[in-house]
Amino acid sequence: MTKFNPALLARAAVESYVNTGEMIKTPDNIPEEFKKQSGVFVSIKKGTDLRGCIGTIEPQTDNIAAEIVRNAISAAVRDPRFKPVSTDEIGDLSFSVDVLGPREPVKALDELDPDKYGVIVKSGAASGLLLPDIAGVNTVQSQIAIAKQKAGIFPGSKIDIFRFSVERFFENYE
């Protein structure tokens, strides 16, 4: 029996949508841990370059598998930083899926670790998120600064900080 691989589900969702315009049906035989709800981010890379990344902090669907399908398609065709993925480049892409753990308020910066925890910053209605273990993000200060920039929060603004862990899946997950 083949083990369920969330990153392969993301790939299948994008391949179907880009080739046919149709959203795939969520598989019936998903493991129990993927039947619960959670925020999910899907990242698409072409070589080492980001090609798309879209996710949800709070779940928008009935289960993690459906969240993967929805966010994979959005990462491929709705990420405003990139043109939509084309049929001829799908073979050159790699997919990863981050399933978010619960967020926890941070009282002190020493509770953060950019390799271990993602970060959410909030100021009023603005919020920004940065996943953990991102190449080139080696300090807590840079992680927070990038999350603030993504949210449009000005330097010096009062912020609330939250951390979360992720379970990350790659296509070659065994």
N, C-alpha and C. Protein backbone atom coordinates (compact mmCIF):
# COMPACT_ATOMS: atom_id res chain seq x y z
N MET A 1 0.84 -1.19 0.00
CA MET A 1 0.00 0.00 0.00
C MET A 1 0.89 1.25 0.00
N THR A 2 0.59 2.20 -0.85
CA THR A 2 1.35 3.45 -0.92
C THR A 2 0.90 4.39 0.17
N LYS A 3 1.87 5.00 0.84
CA LYS A 3 1.56 5.96 1.90
C LYS A 3 1.05 7.26 1.27
N PHE A 4 0.04 7.85 1.89
CA PHE A 4 -0.53 9.11 1.42
C PHE A 4 0.54 10.20 1.47
N ASN A 5 0.70 10.92 0.38
CA ASN A 5 1.70 11.99 0.31
C ASN A 5 1.00 13.30 -0.05
N PRO A 6 0.90 14.22 0.92
CA PRO A 6 0.22 15.49 0.67
C PRO A 6 0.81 16.29 -0.49
N ALA A 7 2.13 16.25 -0.67
CA ALA A 7 2.75 17.01 -1.76
C ALA A 7 2.36 16.43 -3.12
N LEU A 8 2.19 15.11 -3.20
CA LEU A 8 1.73 14.51 -4.46
C LEU A 8 0.28 14.85 -4.73
N LEU A 9 -0.53 14.99 -3.68
CA LEU A 9 -1.91 15.46 -3.85
C LEU A 9 -1.90 16.88 -4.40
N ALA A 10 -1.01 17.73 -3.88
CA ALA A 10 -0.90 19.10 -4.39
C ALA A 10 -0.53 19.10 -5.87
N ARG A 11 0.44 18.27 -6.24
CA ARG A 11 0.84 18.17 -7.65
C ARG A 11 -0.34 17.72 -8.52
N ALA A 12 -1.04 16.68 -8.08
CA ALA A 12 -2.17 16.16 -8.86
C ALA A 12 -3.25 17.23 -9.03
N ALA A 13 -3.50 18.01 -7.98
CA ALA A 13 -4.51 19.07 -8.06
C ALA A 13 -4.11 20.12 -9.09
N VAL A 14 -2.83 20.51 -9.08
CA VAL A 14 -2.36 21.53 -10.03
C VAL A 14 -2.35 20.98 -11.45
N GLU A 15 -1.86 19.76 -11.63
CA GLU A 15 -1.83 19.17 -12.98
C GLU A 15 -3.23 19.11 -13.57
N SER A 16 -4.19 18.66 -12.78
CA SER A 16 -5.56 18.57 -13.27
C SER A 16 -6.11 19.95 -13.61
N TYR A 17 -5.93 20.89 -12.71
CA TYR A 17 -6.51 22.21 -12.92
C TYR A 17 -5.88 22.93 -14.11
N VAL A 18 -4.56 22.86 -14.21
CA VAL A 18 -3.88 23.55 -15.31
C VAL A 18 -4.21 22.90 -16.66
N ASN A 19 -4.33 21.57 -16.66
CA ASN A 19 -4.59 20.86 -17.92
C ASN A 19 -6.06 20.84 -18.32
N THR A 20 -6.98 20.85 -17.35
CA THR A 20 -8.40 20.68 -17.68
C THR A 20 -9.29 21.81 -17.17
N GLY A 21 -8.79 22.61 -16.24
CA GLY A 21 -9.63 23.63 -15.62
C GLY A 21 -10.54 23.07 -14.54
N GLU A 22 -10.37 21.81 -14.22
CA GLU A 22 -11.23 21.14 -13.24
C GLU A 22 -10.49 20.91 -11.93
N MET A 23 -11.20 21.10 -10.82
CA MET A 23 -10.65 20.80 -9.51
C MET A 23 -10.86 19.31 -9.24
N ILE A 24 -9.80 18.62 -8.80
CA ILE A 24 -9.95 17.19 -8.52
C ILE A 24 -10.79 16.99 -7.28
N LYS A 25 -11.37 15.82 -7.19
CA LYS A 25 -12.13 15.43 -6.01
C LYS A 25 -11.13 15.00 -4.93
N THR A 26 -11.40 15.35 -3.70
CA THR A 26 -10.54 14.91 -2.61
C THR A 26 -10.62 13.39 -2.51
N PRO A 27 -9.48 12.72 -2.41
CA PRO A 27 -9.50 11.25 -2.33
C PRO A 27 -10.33 10.76 -1.15
N ASP A 28 -10.95 9.60 -1.34
CA ASP A 28 -11.77 9.01 -0.28
C ASP A 28 -10.92 8.31 0.77
N ASN A 29 -9.75 7.84 0.37
CA ASN A 29 -8.94 6.98 1.25
C ASN A 29 -7.83 7.74 1.98
N ILE A 30 -8.11 8.96 2.40
CA ILE A 30 -7.08 9.72 3.11
C ILE A 30 -6.96 9.22 4.56
N PRO A 31 -5.75 9.24 5.10
CA PRO A 31 -5.57 8.82 6.49
C PRO A 31 -6.33 9.75 7.46
N GLU A 32 -6.63 9.22 8.63
CA GLU A 32 -7.41 9.95 9.64
C GLU A 32 -6.81 11.32 9.95
N GLU A 33 -5.47 11.41 10.05
CA GLU A 33 -4.87 12.68 10.45
C GLU A 33 -5.08 13.79 9.42
N PHE A 34 -5.47 13.43 8.20
CA PHE A 34 -5.75 14.43 7.17
C PHE A 34 -7.24 14.70 7.01
N LYS A 35 -8.06 14.09 7.86
CA LYS A 35 -9.50 14.33 7.84
C LYS A 35 -9.90 15.45 8.81
N LYS A 36 -8.94 15.90 9.64
CA LYS A 36 -9.23 17.01 10.56
C LYS A 36 -9.00 18.32 9.81
N GLN A 37 -9.30 19.43 10.47
CA GLN A 37 -9.12 20.74 9.86
C GLN A 37 -7.83 21.39 10.36
N SER A 38 -7.19 22.14 9.46
CA SER A 38 -5.99 22.89 9.81
C SER A 38 -5.68 23.88 8.71
N GLY A 39 -4.94 24.91 9.06
CA GLY A 39 -4.38 25.78 8.04
C GLY A 39 -3.31 25.01 7.27
N VAL A 40 -3.18 25.33 5.98
CA VAL A 40 -2.23 24.62 5.11
C VAL A 40 -1.62 25.63 4.14
N PHE A 41 -0.32 25.52 3.92
CA PHE A 41 0.36 26.29 2.88
C PHE A 41 0.93 25.32 1.85
N VAL A 42 0.78 25.66 0.59
CA VAL A 42 1.38 24.89 -0.50
C VAL A 42 2.40 25.79 -1.18
N SER A 43 3.63 25.28 -1.29
CA SER A 43 4.71 26.01 -1.95
C SER A 43 5.10 25.25 -3.22
N ILE A 44 5.31 26.02 -4.27
CA ILE A 44 5.72 25.46 -5.56
C ILE A 44 7.05 26.11 -5.92
N LYS A 45 8.02 25.27 -6.28
CA LYS A 45 9.32 25.79 -6.68
C LYS A 45 9.67 25.29 -8.07
N LYS A 46 10.43 26.11 -8.77
CA LYS A 46 11.03 25.74 -10.05
C LYS A 46 12.52 25.81 -9.81
N GLY A 47 13.16 24.66 -9.68
CA GLY A 47 14.53 24.62 -9.22
C GLY A 47 14.56 25.08 -7.77
N THR A 48 15.37 26.08 -7.49
CA THR A 48 15.41 26.61 -6.12
C THR A 48 14.58 27.89 -5.97
N ASP A 49 13.96 28.34 -7.07
CA ASP A 49 13.18 29.58 -7.06
C ASP A 49 11.72 29.32 -6.72
N LEU A 50 11.17 30.17 -5.85
CA LEU A 50 9.76 30.08 -5.54
C LEU A 50 8.95 30.38 -6.79
N ARG A 51 7.92 29.58 -7.04
CA ARG A 51 7.06 29.76 -8.21
C ARG A 51 5.62 30.08 -7.81
N GLY A 52 5.31 29.84 -6.53
CA GLY A 52 4.00 30.15 -5.99
C GLY A 52 3.90 29.64 -4.57
N CYS A 53 3.18 30.36 -3.73
CA CYS A 53 2.95 29.92 -2.36
C CYS A 53 1.70 30.62 -1.85
N ILE A 54 0.72 29.80 -1.53
CA ILE A 54 -0.54 30.32 -1.00
C ILE A 54 -0.97 29.39 0.13
N GLY A 55 -1.56 29.97 1.15
CA GLY A 55 -2.03 29.14 2.24
C GLY A 55 -3.09 29.83 3.06
N THR A 56 -3.53 29.10 4.05
CA THR A 56 -4.56 29.58 4.96
C THR A 56 -4.08 29.40 6.39
N ILE A 57 -4.24 30.45 7.19
CA ILE A 57 -3.90 30.36 8.61
C ILE A 57 -5.00 29.57 9.33
N GLU A 58 -6.22 29.89 9.00
CA GLU A 58 -7.39 29.18 9.54
C GLU A 58 -7.98 28.34 8.42
N PRO A 59 -8.45 27.13 8.74
CA PRO A 59 -9.00 26.26 7.69
C PRO A 59 -10.23 26.87 7.02
N GLN A 60 -10.32 26.64 5.71
CA GLN A 60 -11.45 27.13 4.92
C GLN A 60 -12.29 25.99 4.35
N THR A 61 -11.85 24.75 4.57
CA THR A 61 -12.54 23.58 4.01
C THR A 61 -12.80 22.56 5.12
N ASP A 62 -13.39 21.44 4.73
CA ASP A 62 -13.79 20.42 5.70
C ASP A 62 -12.63 19.62 6.27
N ASN A 63 -11.51 19.53 5.53
CA ASN A 63 -10.40 18.72 6.02
C ASN A 63 -9.08 19.16 5.37
N ILE A 64 -7.98 18.64 5.88
CA ILE A 64 -6.66 19.02 5.40
C ILE A 64 -6.48 18.67 3.93
N ALA A 65 -6.96 17.51 3.51
CA ALA A 65 -6.80 17.11 2.11
C ALA A 65 -7.49 18.11 1.17
N ALA A 66 -8.69 18.53 1.51
CA ALA A 66 -9.41 19.52 0.68
C ALA A 66 -8.70 20.86 0.72
N GLU A 67 -8.11 21.20 1.86
CA GLU A 67 -7.35 22.45 2.00
C GLU A 67 -6.12 22.42 1.08
N ILE A 68 -5.48 21.25 1.00
CA ILE A 68 -4.31 21.09 0.12
C ILE A 68 -4.72 21.33 -1.33
N VAL A 69 -5.79 20.70 -1.77
CA VAL A 69 -6.25 20.84 -3.16
C VAL A 69 -6.54 22.31 -3.46
N ARG A 70 -7.29 22.95 -2.60
CA ARG A 70 -7.68 24.36 -2.80
C ARG A 70 -6.46 25.27 -2.84
N ASN A 71 -5.55 25.11 -1.90
CA ASN A 71 -4.39 26.00 -1.81
C ASN A 71 -3.34 25.70 -2.88
N ALA A 72 -3.25 24.46 -3.32
CA ALA A 72 -2.32 24.13 -4.41
C ALA A 72 -2.73 24.83 -5.69
N ILE A 73 -4.01 24.79 -5.99
CA ILE A 73 -4.51 25.47 -7.19
C ILE A 73 -4.29 26.98 -7.07
N SER A 74 -4.57 27.54 -5.90
CA SER A 74 -4.35 28.97 -5.70
C SER A 74 -2.88 29.34 -5.84
N ALA A 75 -1.99 28.52 -5.30
CA ALA A 75 -0.55 28.79 -5.42
C ALA A 75 -0.11 28.77 -6.88
N ALA A 76 -0.72 27.90 -7.67
CA ALA A 76 -0.33 27.76 -9.08
C ALA A 76 -0.89 28.85 -9.97
N VAL A 77 -2.09 29.32 -9.68
CA VAL A 77 -2.73 30.24 -10.64
C VAL A 77 -3.20 31.57 -10.04
N ARG A 78 -3.11 31.73 -8.72
CA ARG A 78 -3.63 32.96 -8.10
C ARG A 78 -2.63 33.72 -7.26
N ASP A 79 -1.39 33.25 -7.18
CA ASP A 79 -0.38 33.99 -6.42
C ASP A 79 -0.07 35.25 -7.22
N PRO A 80 -0.37 36.44 -6.67
CA PRO A 80 -0.22 37.67 -7.45
C PRO A 80 1.23 38.01 -7.81
N ARG A 81 2.17 37.35 -7.19
CA ARG A 81 3.59 37.63 -7.48
C ARG A 81 4.08 36.95 -8.76
N PHE A 82 3.30 36.00 -9.27
CA PHE A 82 3.75 35.20 -10.40
C PHE A 82 2.66 35.04 -11.44
N LYS A 83 3.06 34.80 -12.68
CA LYS A 83 2.08 34.46 -13.71
C LYS A 83 1.59 33.03 -13.44
N PRO A 84 0.39 32.69 -13.89
CA PRO A 84 -0.13 31.34 -13.65
C PRO A 84 0.79 30.26 -14.23
N VAL A 85 0.84 29.15 -13.55
CA VAL A 85 1.62 27.99 -14.01
C VAL A 85 1.04 27.52 -15.33
N SER A 86 1.93 27.20 -16.27
CA SER A 86 1.48 26.70 -17.58
C SER A 86 1.71 25.19 -17.68
N THR A 87 0.99 24.58 -18.58
CA THR A 87 1.07 23.13 -18.78
C THR A 87 2.49 22.68 -19.05
N ASP A 88 3.23 23.43 -19.85
CA ASP A 88 4.56 22.98 -20.26
C ASP A 88 5.61 23.07 -19.15
N GLU A 89 5.33 23.73 -18.04
CA GLU A 89 6.33 23.83 -16.98
C GLU A 89 6.05 22.91 -15.79
N ILE A 90 4.92 22.22 -15.77
CA ILE A 90 4.55 21.40 -14.62
C ILE A 90 5.62 20.36 -14.28
N GLY A 91 6.23 19.76 -15.28
CA GLY A 91 7.26 18.76 -15.04
C GLY A 91 8.50 19.31 -14.37
N ASP A 92 8.71 20.61 -14.44
CA ASP A 92 9.88 21.25 -13.84
C ASP A 92 9.62 21.74 -12.42
N LEU A 93 8.42 21.55 -11.92
CA LEU A 93 8.04 22.09 -10.62
C LEU A 93 8.14 21.05 -9.52
N SER A 94 8.41 21.52 -8.31
CA SER A 94 8.36 20.65 -7.13
C SER A 94 7.39 21.27 -6.13
N PHE A 95 6.77 20.43 -5.34
CA PHE A 95 5.71 20.84 -4.43
C PHE A 95 6.07 20.46 -3.00
N SER A 96 5.71 21.34 -2.06
CA SER A 96 5.77 21.00 -0.64
C SER A 96 4.51 21.52 0.02
N VAL A 97 4.14 20.86 1.09
CA VAL A 97 2.92 21.19 1.83
C VAL A 97 3.29 21.36 3.30
N ASP A 98 2.86 22.46 3.89
CA ASP A 98 3.04 22.72 5.32
C ASP A 98 1.68 22.69 5.99
N VAL A 99 1.50 21.76 6.92
CA VAL A 99 0.28 21.70 7.72
C VAL A 99 0.59 22.41 9.03
N LEU A 100 -0.16 23.46 9.31
CA LEU A 100 0.12 24.31 10.46
C LEU A 100 -0.40 23.71 11.75
N GLY A 101 0.44 23.78 12.78
CA GLY A 101 0.01 23.44 14.12
C GLY A 101 -0.69 24.63 14.74
N PRO A 102 -1.19 24.48 15.96
CA PRO A 102 -1.88 25.60 16.60
C PRO A 102 -0.94 26.77 16.85
N ARG A 103 -1.48 27.98 16.77
CA ARG A 103 -0.65 29.16 17.04
C ARG A 103 -0.65 29.43 18.54
N GLU A 104 0.51 29.92 18.98
CA GLU A 104 0.71 30.21 20.40
C GLU A 104 1.19 31.65 20.53
N PRO A 105 0.65 32.42 21.48
CA PRO A 105 1.16 33.78 21.68
C PRO A 105 2.61 33.74 22.16
N VAL A 106 3.40 34.72 21.72
CA VAL A 106 4.79 34.83 22.09
C VAL A 106 4.94 36.01 23.04
N LYS A 107 5.53 35.75 24.19
CA LYS A 107 5.74 36.81 25.19
C LYS A 107 7.14 37.39 25.10
N ALA A 108 8.10 36.60 24.62
CA ALA A 108 9.49 37.06 24.51
C ALA A 108 10.12 36.47 23.25
N LEU A 109 11.00 37.25 22.63
CA LEU A 109 11.61 36.82 21.37
C LEU A 109 12.42 35.54 21.51
N ASP A 110 12.90 35.22 22.71
CA ASP A 110 13.67 33.99 22.88
C ASP A 110 12.78 32.73 22.78
N GLU A 111 11.47 32.92 22.66
CA GLU A 111 10.56 31.80 22.43
C GLU A 111 10.48 31.45 20.94
N LEU A 112 11.12 32.23 20.10
CA LEU A 112 11.09 32.01 18.65
C LEU A 112 12.37 31.36 18.17
N ASP A 113 12.27 30.64 17.07
CA ASP A 113 13.40 30.04 16.38
C ASP A 113 12.98 29.91 14.92
N PRO A 114 13.58 30.69 14.00
CA PRO A 114 13.12 30.70 12.61
C PRO A 114 13.27 29.37 11.89
N ASP A 115 14.10 28.47 12.43
CA ASP A 115 14.22 27.14 11.82
C ASP A 115 13.12 26.20 12.30
N LYS A 116 12.59 26.45 13.49
CA LYS A 116 11.62 25.55 14.10
C LYS A 116 10.18 26.06 14.03
N TYR A 117 10.00 27.37 14.19
CA TYR A 117 8.65 27.94 14.26
C TYR A 117 8.40 28.94 13.15
N GLY A 118 7.18 28.92 12.62
CA GLY A 118 6.70 30.00 11.79
C GLY A 118 6.24 31.11 12.70
N VAL A 119 6.01 32.28 12.11
CA VAL A 119 5.62 33.43 12.91
C VAL A 119 4.44 34.15 12.24
N ILE A 120 3.54 34.62 13.07
CA ILE A 120 2.44 35.48 12.64
C ILE A 120 2.57 36.77 13.42
N VAL A 121 2.55 37.90 12.71
CA VAL A 121 2.56 39.20 13.37
C VAL A 121 1.24 39.89 13.07
N LYS A 122 0.71 40.59 14.07
CA LYS A 122 -0.56 41.30 13.91
C LYS A 122 -0.42 42.70 14.48
N SER A 123 -1.03 43.63 13.76
CA SER A 123 -1.15 45.00 14.24
C SER A 123 -2.49 45.50 13.73
N GLY A 124 -3.44 45.67 14.64
CA GLY A 124 -4.79 46.03 14.21
C GLY A 124 -5.34 44.91 13.34
N ALA A 125 -5.88 45.29 12.17
CA ALA A 125 -6.45 44.30 11.25
C ALA A 125 -5.38 43.66 10.36
N ALA A 126 -4.18 44.21 10.33
CA ALA A 126 -3.12 43.69 9.46
C ALA A 126 -2.43 42.51 10.12
N SER A 127 -2.16 41.49 9.32
CA SER A 127 -1.39 40.35 9.82
C SER A 127 -0.54 39.78 8.70
N GLY A 128 0.61 39.26 9.09
CA GLY A 128 1.53 38.65 8.15
C GLY A 128 2.08 37.37 8.73
N LEU A 129 2.36 36.42 7.86
CA LEU A 129 2.84 35.11 8.27
C LEU A 129 4.10 34.77 7.51
N LEU A 130 5.03 34.12 8.18
CA LEU A 130 6.20 33.57 7.51
C LEU A 130 6.41 32.16 8.05
N LEU A 131 6.53 31.22 7.12
CA LEU A 131 6.74 29.82 7.48
C LEU A 131 8.13 29.65 8.09
N PRO A 132 8.34 28.56 8.83
CA PRO A 132 9.67 28.30 9.38
C PRO A 132 10.61 27.72 8.33
N ASP A 133 11.88 27.74 8.66
CA ASP A 133 12.92 27.07 7.88
C ASP A 133 12.93 27.53 6.42
N ILE A 134 12.98 28.85 6.26
CA ILE A 134 13.04 29.47 4.94
C ILE A 134 14.50 29.85 4.66
N ALA A 135 15.00 29.46 3.50
CA ALA A 135 16.38 29.76 3.14
C ALA A 135 16.64 31.26 3.24
N GLY A 136 17.74 31.63 3.88
CA GLY A 136 18.12 33.03 4.01
C GLY A 136 17.50 33.74 5.20
N VAL A 137 16.56 33.11 5.87
CA VAL A 137 15.95 33.71 7.06
C VAL A 137 16.56 33.00 8.27
N ASN A 138 17.59 33.62 8.83
CA ASN A 138 18.38 32.96 9.86
C ASN A 138 18.22 33.54 11.26
N THR A 139 17.54 34.69 11.36
CA THR A 139 17.38 35.31 12.67
C THR A 139 15.91 35.59 12.95
N VAL A 140 15.60 35.66 14.22
CA VAL A 140 14.24 36.02 14.64
C VAL A 140 13.88 37.41 14.12
N GLN A 141 14.84 38.33 14.18
CA GLN A 141 14.59 39.70 13.75
C GLN A 141 14.23 39.75 12.26
N SER A 142 14.95 39.00 11.43
CA SER A 142 14.63 39.02 10.00
C SER A 142 13.30 38.34 9.72
N GLN A 143 12.99 37.29 10.46
CA GLN A 143 11.71 36.60 10.30
C GLN A 143 10.55 37.55 10.61
N ILE A 144 10.65 38.26 11.71
CA ILE A 144 9.60 39.20 12.09
C ILE A 144 9.52 40.36 11.09
N ALA A 145 10.67 40.88 10.67
CA ALA A 145 10.68 42.00 9.71
C ALA A 145 10.01 41.61 8.40
N ILE A 146 10.28 40.41 7.91
CA ILE A 146 9.66 39.96 6.66
C ILE A 146 8.16 39.78 6.84
N ALA A 147 7.75 39.19 7.94
CA ALA A 147 6.31 39.00 8.20
C ALA A 147 5.61 40.36 8.30
N LYS A 148 6.24 41.33 8.96
CA LYS A 148 5.67 42.68 9.05
C LYS A 148 5.56 43.32 7.67
N GLN A 149 6.60 43.18 6.87
CA GLN A 149 6.59 43.75 5.52
C GLN A 149 5.46 43.13 4.69
N LYS A 150 5.29 41.81 4.78
CA LYS A 150 4.22 41.14 4.04
C LYS A 150 2.85 41.67 4.43
N ALA A 151 2.71 42.05 5.71
CA ALA A 151 1.43 42.55 6.21
C ALA A 151 1.23 44.04 5.97
N GLY A 152 2.30 44.73 5.55
CA GLY A 152 2.21 46.18 5.39
C GLY A 152 2.25 46.90 6.73
N ILE A 153 2.86 46.27 7.72
CA ILE A 153 2.98 46.88 9.05
C ILE A 153 4.27 47.70 9.08
N PHE A 154 4.16 48.95 9.45
CA PHE A 154 5.31 49.85 9.45
C PHE A 154 6.28 49.51 10.58
N PRO A 155 7.58 49.69 10.33
CA PRO A 155 8.57 49.50 11.40
C PRO A 155 8.20 50.38 12.59
N GLY A 156 8.37 49.84 13.78
CA GLY A 156 8.07 50.60 15.00
C GLY A 156 6.63 50.45 15.46
N SER A 157 5.76 49.88 14.63
CA SER A 157 4.36 49.67 15.04
C SER A 157 4.30 48.61 16.14
N LYS A 158 3.35 48.77 17.05
CA LYS A 158 3.14 47.76 18.07
C LYS A 158 2.54 46.53 17.40
N ILE A 159 3.11 45.36 17.72
CA ILE A 159 2.62 44.12 17.13
C ILE A 159 2.39 43.06 18.20
N ASP A 160 1.48 42.15 17.89
CA ASP A 160 1.33 40.91 18.65
C ASP A 160 2.00 39.83 17.82
N ILE A 161 2.71 38.94 18.48
CA ILE A 161 3.45 37.88 17.78
C ILE A 161 2.93 36.53 18.24
N PHE A 162 2.77 35.65 17.27
CA PHE A 162 2.36 34.27 17.53
C PHE A 162 3.35 33.35 16.82
N ARG A 163 3.54 32.17 17.36
CA ARG A 163 4.37 31.18 16.70
C ARG A 163 3.54 29.93 16.44
N PHE A 164 4.01 29.14 15.49
CA PHE A 164 3.37 27.87 15.18
C PHE A 164 4.43 26.93 14.61
N SER A 165 4.18 25.66 14.77
CA SER A 165 5.05 24.67 14.15
C SER A 165 4.33 24.16 12.90
N VAL A 166 5.06 23.48 12.05
CA VAL A 166 4.46 22.90 10.86
C VAL A 166 4.92 21.45 10.72
N GLU A 167 4.12 20.68 10.03
CA GLU A 167 4.57 19.39 9.53
C GLU A 167 4.72 19.59 8.03
N ARG A 168 5.94 19.44 7.53
CA ARG A 168 6.24 19.73 6.12
C ARG A 168 6.39 18.42 5.36
N PHE A 169 5.74 18.40 4.20
CA PHE A 169 5.77 17.23 3.34
C PHE A 169 6.33 17.61 1.97
N PHE A 170 7.23 16.80 1.47
CA PHE A 170 7.80 16.98 0.13
C PHE A 170 7.34 15.83 -0.75
N GLU A 171 7.51 15.99 -2.06
CA GLU A 171 7.09 14.93 -2.98
C GLU A 171 7.82 13.61 -2.75
N ASN A 172 9.06 13.67 -2.28
CA ASN A 172 9.80 12.43 -2.07
C ASN A 172 9.64 11.89 -0.66
N TYR A 173 8.61 12.37 0.04
CA TYR A 173 8.29 11.93 1.42
C TYR A 173 8.07 10.43 1.43
N GLU A 174 8.70 9.76 2.35
CA GLU A 174 8.53 8.29 2.48
C GLU A 174 7.85 7.96 3.79
